[in-house]
N, C-alpha and C. Protein backbone atom coordinates (compact mmCIF):
# COMPACT_ATOMS: atom_id res chain seq x y z
N MET A 1 1.15 -1.37 0.03
CA MET A 1 -0.10 -0.13 0.23
C MET A 1 1.29 1.17 0.48
N GLU A 2 1.14 1.80 -0.64
CA GLU A 2 1.69 3.15 -1.03
C GLU A 2 0.84 4.21 -0.09
N ILE A 3 1.15 5.02 0.68
CA ILE A 3 0.88 6.48 0.68
C ILE A 3 1.37 8.20 -0.08
N THR A 4 -0.31 7.98 -0.65
CA THR A 4 0.38 9.17 -1.79
C THR A 4 0.18 10.53 -1.05
N ASP A 5 -0.44 10.60 -0.11
CA ASP A 5 -0.80 12.36 0.15
C ASP A 5 -0.99 11.90 1.63
N VAL A 6 -0.03 13.15 2.20
CA VAL A 6 -0.09 13.93 3.54
C VAL A 6 -0.32 15.44 4.02
N LYS A 7 -1.65 16.03 4.73
CA LYS A 7 -2.02 16.65 4.66
C LYS A 7 -1.80 17.44 6.35
N ILE A 8 -1.57 18.17 6.31
CA ILE A 8 -1.41 18.46 7.97
C ILE A 8 -1.55 19.36 8.39
N PHE A 9 -2.19 19.82 9.53
CA PHE A 9 -3.32 20.46 10.41
C PHE A 9 -2.58 21.05 11.27
N SER A 10 -2.70 22.40 12.06
CA SER A 10 -2.29 22.93 13.07
C SER A 10 -3.56 22.51 14.18
N ALA A 11 -3.02 21.85 15.05
CA ALA A 11 -3.87 22.38 16.66
C ALA A 11 -3.31 22.47 17.82
N ASN A 12 -3.40 23.32 18.83
CA ASN A 12 -3.72 23.92 19.75
C ASN A 12 -2.44 22.57 20.39
N LYS A 13 -1.23 23.95 21.20
CA LYS A 13 -0.78 22.38 21.00
C LYS A 13 -0.77 22.72 22.97
N LYS A 14 -0.69 21.99 23.24
CA LYS A 14 -1.20 21.74 24.64
C LYS A 14 -0.89 20.06 25.01
N GLY A 15 -0.70 19.65 25.63
CA GLY A 15 -0.04 18.31 26.46
C GLY A 15 0.50 17.41 25.15
N GLY A 16 1.28 17.77 25.09
CA GLY A 16 2.42 17.56 23.67
C GLY A 16 1.22 17.32 22.70
N LYS A 17 -0.06 17.70 21.83
CA LYS A 17 -0.15 17.27 20.90
C LYS A 17 0.00 18.28 19.55
N LEU A 18 1.25 18.70 18.69
CA LEU A 18 1.59 18.77 17.80
C LEU A 18 0.72 19.57 16.07
N ALA A 19 0.01 18.46 16.27
CA ALA A 19 -0.89 19.20 14.87
C ALA A 19 -1.65 17.90 14.64
N TYR A 20 -2.93 17.16 13.83
CA TYR A 20 -3.36 16.60 13.00
C TYR A 20 -2.65 16.07 11.39
N ALA A 21 -2.83 15.08 11.17
CA ALA A 21 -2.60 15.02 9.30
C ALA A 21 -3.72 13.55 9.69
N ASN A 22 -3.84 14.61 7.82
CA ASN A 22 -4.99 13.18 7.43
C ASN A 22 -4.37 12.94 6.14
N VAL A 23 -4.14 11.34 6.06
CA VAL A 23 -3.39 10.52 4.91
C VAL A 23 -4.35 9.45 3.97
N VAL A 24 -3.61 9.86 3.11
CA VAL A 24 -4.21 8.97 1.54
C VAL A 24 -3.40 7.91 0.71
N LEU A 25 -4.06 7.05 1.09
CA LEU A 25 -3.30 5.85 0.69
C LEU A 25 -4.11 5.43 -0.91
N ASN A 26 -2.85 4.67 -1.46
CA ASN A 26 -3.05 4.44 -3.45
C ASN A 26 -4.28 5.57 -3.93
N ASN A 27 -4.26 6.85 -3.43
CA ASN A 27 -5.06 7.60 -4.06
C ASN A 27 -6.64 7.46 -3.82
N GLU A 28 -6.91 6.28 -3.15
CA GLU A 28 -8.30 5.63 -3.18
C GLU A 28 -8.69 5.55 -1.09
N PHE A 29 -8.14 6.38 -0.06
CA PHE A 29 -7.96 5.47 0.95
C PHE A 29 -8.33 6.83 1.85
N ILE A 30 -8.96 7.90 2.87
CA ILE A 30 -8.22 8.85 3.66
C ILE A 30 -8.44 8.40 4.82
N ILE A 31 -6.80 8.75 5.95
CA ILE A 31 -7.62 8.72 6.67
C ILE A 31 -7.96 10.09 7.45
N LYS A 32 -8.72 10.40 8.95
CA LYS A 32 -8.12 11.67 8.84
C LYS A 32 -8.11 11.87 10.82
N ARG A 33 -7.36 12.93 10.68
CA ARG A 33 -7.26 13.24 12.07
C ARG A 33 -6.39 12.28 12.87
N ILE A 34 -5.84 12.07 12.20
CA ILE A 34 -3.92 11.28 13.71
C ILE A 34 -3.40 12.65 14.08
N THR A 35 -3.72 11.82 14.99
CA THR A 35 -3.24 12.78 15.85
C THR A 35 -1.48 12.66 15.90
N LEU A 36 -0.69 13.81 15.93
CA LEU A 36 0.65 13.67 16.39
C LEU A 36 0.74 15.09 17.22
N VAL A 37 2.02 13.72 18.45
CA VAL A 37 2.53 13.57 19.46
C VAL A 37 3.98 14.05 19.87
N GLU A 38 4.42 14.92 20.95
CA GLU A 38 5.28 14.54 21.27
C GLU A 38 5.69 14.85 22.41
N ASN A 39 6.54 13.15 22.85
CA ASN A 39 6.18 13.14 24.53
C ASN A 39 8.34 12.94 25.23
N LYS A 40 7.73 13.12 25.69
CA LYS A 40 9.64 13.01 27.17
C LYS A 40 10.92 12.73 25.64
N GLY A 41 10.58 14.08 24.54
CA GLY A 41 11.70 13.81 23.13
C GLY A 41 11.15 13.12 22.10
N LYS A 42 9.96 11.73 22.71
CA LYS A 42 9.42 11.00 20.47
C LYS A 42 8.39 11.48 20.85
N ARG A 43 8.09 11.05 18.56
CA ARG A 43 7.43 11.48 17.96
C ARG A 43 6.26 10.19 18.27
N PHE A 44 4.86 10.50 18.27
CA PHE A 44 4.79 9.51 17.69
C PHE A 44 3.01 9.40 17.28
N ILE A 45 1.78 8.96 16.24
CA ILE A 45 0.84 9.42 16.28
C ILE A 45 -0.83 8.19 16.39
N GLY A 46 -0.83 9.10 16.50
CA GLY A 46 -2.35 7.78 17.60
C GLY A 46 -3.71 7.67 16.34
N MET A 47 -3.68 6.95 16.48
CA MET A 47 -4.67 6.98 14.99
C MET A 47 -6.63 7.63 15.47
N PRO A 48 -7.25 7.48 14.27
CA PRO A 48 -8.99 8.15 14.83
C PRO A 48 -8.80 6.93 16.02
N SER A 49 -10.18 7.57 17.13
CA SER A 49 -10.45 6.87 17.60
C SER A 49 -11.68 7.73 18.31
N ILE A 50 -13.16 6.89 19.08
CA ILE A 50 -14.16 7.22 19.16
C ILE A 50 -14.04 7.72 20.49
N ARG A 51 -14.19 7.63 21.93
CA ARG A 51 -15.21 7.74 23.45
C ARG A 51 -15.82 6.62 23.68
N SER A 52 -15.66 5.99 24.16
CA SER A 52 -16.78 5.43 24.45
C SER A 52 -16.86 5.19 26.44
N VAL A 53 -17.56 4.84 26.76
CA VAL A 53 -18.58 5.31 28.35
C VAL A 53 -18.62 3.60 28.45
N ASN A 54 -18.40 3.16 29.03
CA ASN A 54 -18.96 1.53 29.84
C ASN A 54 -19.44 1.85 31.76
N GLY A 55 -20.40 1.67 31.97
CA GLY A 55 -20.78 2.44 33.58
C GLY A 55 -19.82 3.95 33.50
N GLN A 56 -18.36 3.58 34.77
CA GLN A 56 -17.10 4.04 35.14
C GLN A 56 -15.99 4.78 34.80
N LYS A 57 -16.33 3.30 33.44
CA LYS A 57 -15.01 3.72 32.69
C LYS A 57 -14.74 4.16 31.22
N VAL A 58 -13.97 5.20 31.26
CA VAL A 58 -14.13 5.60 29.91
C VAL A 58 -13.12 5.19 29.21
N SER A 59 -12.74 5.17 27.57
CA SER A 59 -11.94 4.22 27.70
C SER A 59 -12.55 4.58 25.79
N PHE A 60 -11.25 4.77 25.15
CA PHE A 60 -11.15 5.48 23.55
C PHE A 60 -10.70 4.37 22.93
N ARG A 61 -11.53 3.81 21.73
CA ARG A 61 -10.56 2.88 20.20
C ARG A 61 -10.33 3.18 18.72
N ASP A 62 -9.57 2.61 18.73
CA ASP A 62 -9.05 3.24 17.36
C ASP A 62 -10.14 3.26 16.55
N ILE A 63 -10.54 4.13 15.60
CA ILE A 63 -10.93 3.91 14.49
C ILE A 63 -11.00 2.61 13.70
N CYS A 64 -9.82 2.70 13.17
CA CYS A 64 -8.98 2.45 11.75
C CYS A 64 -7.50 1.95 12.38
N HIS A 65 -6.74 1.41 12.31
CA HIS A 65 -5.22 1.22 12.40
C HIS A 65 -4.81 0.39 11.46
N PRO A 66 -3.55 0.29 12.00
CA PRO A 66 -2.52 0.36 10.75
C PRO A 66 -2.33 -1.97 11.46
N LEU A 67 -2.25 -2.68 11.08
CA LEU A 67 -2.34 -4.26 11.30
C LEU A 67 -1.17 -4.85 11.70
N ASN A 68 0.05 -4.31 11.07
CA ASN A 68 1.99 -4.67 11.73
C ASN A 68 1.98 -2.85 11.66
N ASN A 69 3.47 -3.45 12.61
CA ASN A 69 4.06 -2.05 13.14
C ASN A 69 5.43 -1.76 11.51
N GLU A 70 5.39 -2.20 10.43
CA GLU A 70 5.82 -1.94 10.09
C GLU A 70 4.64 -0.88 8.60
N PHE A 71 4.24 -1.40 8.92
CA PHE A 71 3.51 0.47 8.04
C PHE A 71 2.93 1.11 9.11
N ARG A 72 2.92 0.95 10.76
CA ARG A 72 3.07 1.07 11.48
C ARG A 72 4.10 3.19 10.98
N GLU A 73 5.39 2.95 11.05
CA GLU A 73 6.14 3.32 11.35
C GLU A 73 6.77 3.64 9.46
N LYS A 74 6.25 3.08 8.60
CA LYS A 74 5.18 3.63 7.13
C LYS A 74 4.85 5.18 7.12
N ILE A 75 3.74 5.24 8.46
CA ILE A 75 3.00 6.36 8.46
C ILE A 75 3.28 7.40 9.32
N THR A 76 4.28 6.27 10.27
CA THR A 76 4.67 7.44 11.25
C THR A 76 5.72 7.85 10.41
N GLU A 77 6.88 7.29 9.84
CA GLU A 77 7.86 9.00 9.29
C GLU A 77 7.10 9.23 8.13
N ALA A 78 5.99 9.51 7.08
CA ALA A 78 5.44 10.52 5.85
C ALA A 78 4.57 11.28 6.80
N VAL A 79 4.35 10.87 7.64
CA VAL A 79 3.61 12.20 8.68
C VAL A 79 4.57 12.91 9.18
N PHE A 80 5.46 12.72 10.40
CA PHE A 80 6.29 13.74 10.39
C PHE A 80 7.51 14.86 10.24
N GLU A 81 7.44 13.57 8.64
CA GLU A 81 8.10 14.50 7.58
C GLU A 81 7.64 15.53 7.28
N ALA A 82 6.31 15.27 6.79
CA ALA A 82 5.16 16.29 6.73
C ALA A 82 4.96 16.95 7.69
N TYR A 83 4.96 16.65 8.52
CA TYR A 83 5.24 18.37 9.27
C TYR A 83 6.29 18.77 9.66
N ASP A 84 7.24 18.26 8.98
CA ASP A 84 8.28 19.15 10.10
C ASP A 84 9.10 19.76 8.88
N GLU A 85 8.63 19.54 7.61
CA GLU A 85 8.13 20.32 6.35
C GLU A 85 7.00 21.31 6.40
N PHE A 86 6.01 21.29 7.21
CA PHE A 86 4.75 22.07 7.17
C PHE A 86 5.53 23.02 8.28
N GLU A 87 5.86 22.83 8.98
CA GLU A 87 6.30 23.58 10.21
C GLU A 87 7.65 24.26 9.54
N LYS A 88 8.66 23.96 8.67
CA LYS A 88 10.26 25.03 8.17
C LYS A 88 9.05 25.80 7.31
N GLU A 89 7.71 25.58 6.70
CA GLU A 89 6.93 26.47 5.40
C GLU A 89 6.79 28.22 6.68
N LEU A 90 6.67 27.54 8.25
CA LEU A 90 5.73 28.77 8.74
C LEU A 90 6.60 29.41 9.36
N GLU A 91 8.14 28.53 9.80
CA GLU A 91 9.24 29.31 10.33
C GLU A 91 9.90 30.24 8.69
N ASP A 92 8.88 30.33 8.43
CA ASP A 92 10.08 30.54 7.07
C ASP A 92 9.16 32.06 6.23
N GLU A 93 7.52 31.82 6.70
CA GLU A 93 6.62 32.92 6.62
C GLU A 93 6.18 33.86 7.58
N ASP A 94 8.02 33.41 9.07
CA ASP A 94 7.87 35.27 9.42
C ASP A 94 9.17 35.91 9.26
């Protein structure tokens, strides 16, 4: 599966959240609102999720996610490459 497009969107940078991303696969399928996070110097992505309440317990369940680490790393690399370019363009505008 090929990542054919990545778009980055600004987020309120709080709690380690850096931005959001939309990722297009094979020009046929889009994953929206992937969260880019940085925590303790490590960067990672959070897949889109829904909030679930079961009695007193609140949890979040991914709507979609990679089935293996290899593809997760591929998405993570593409998203943060696009994010770094996004940040560079913002700096150049100032």
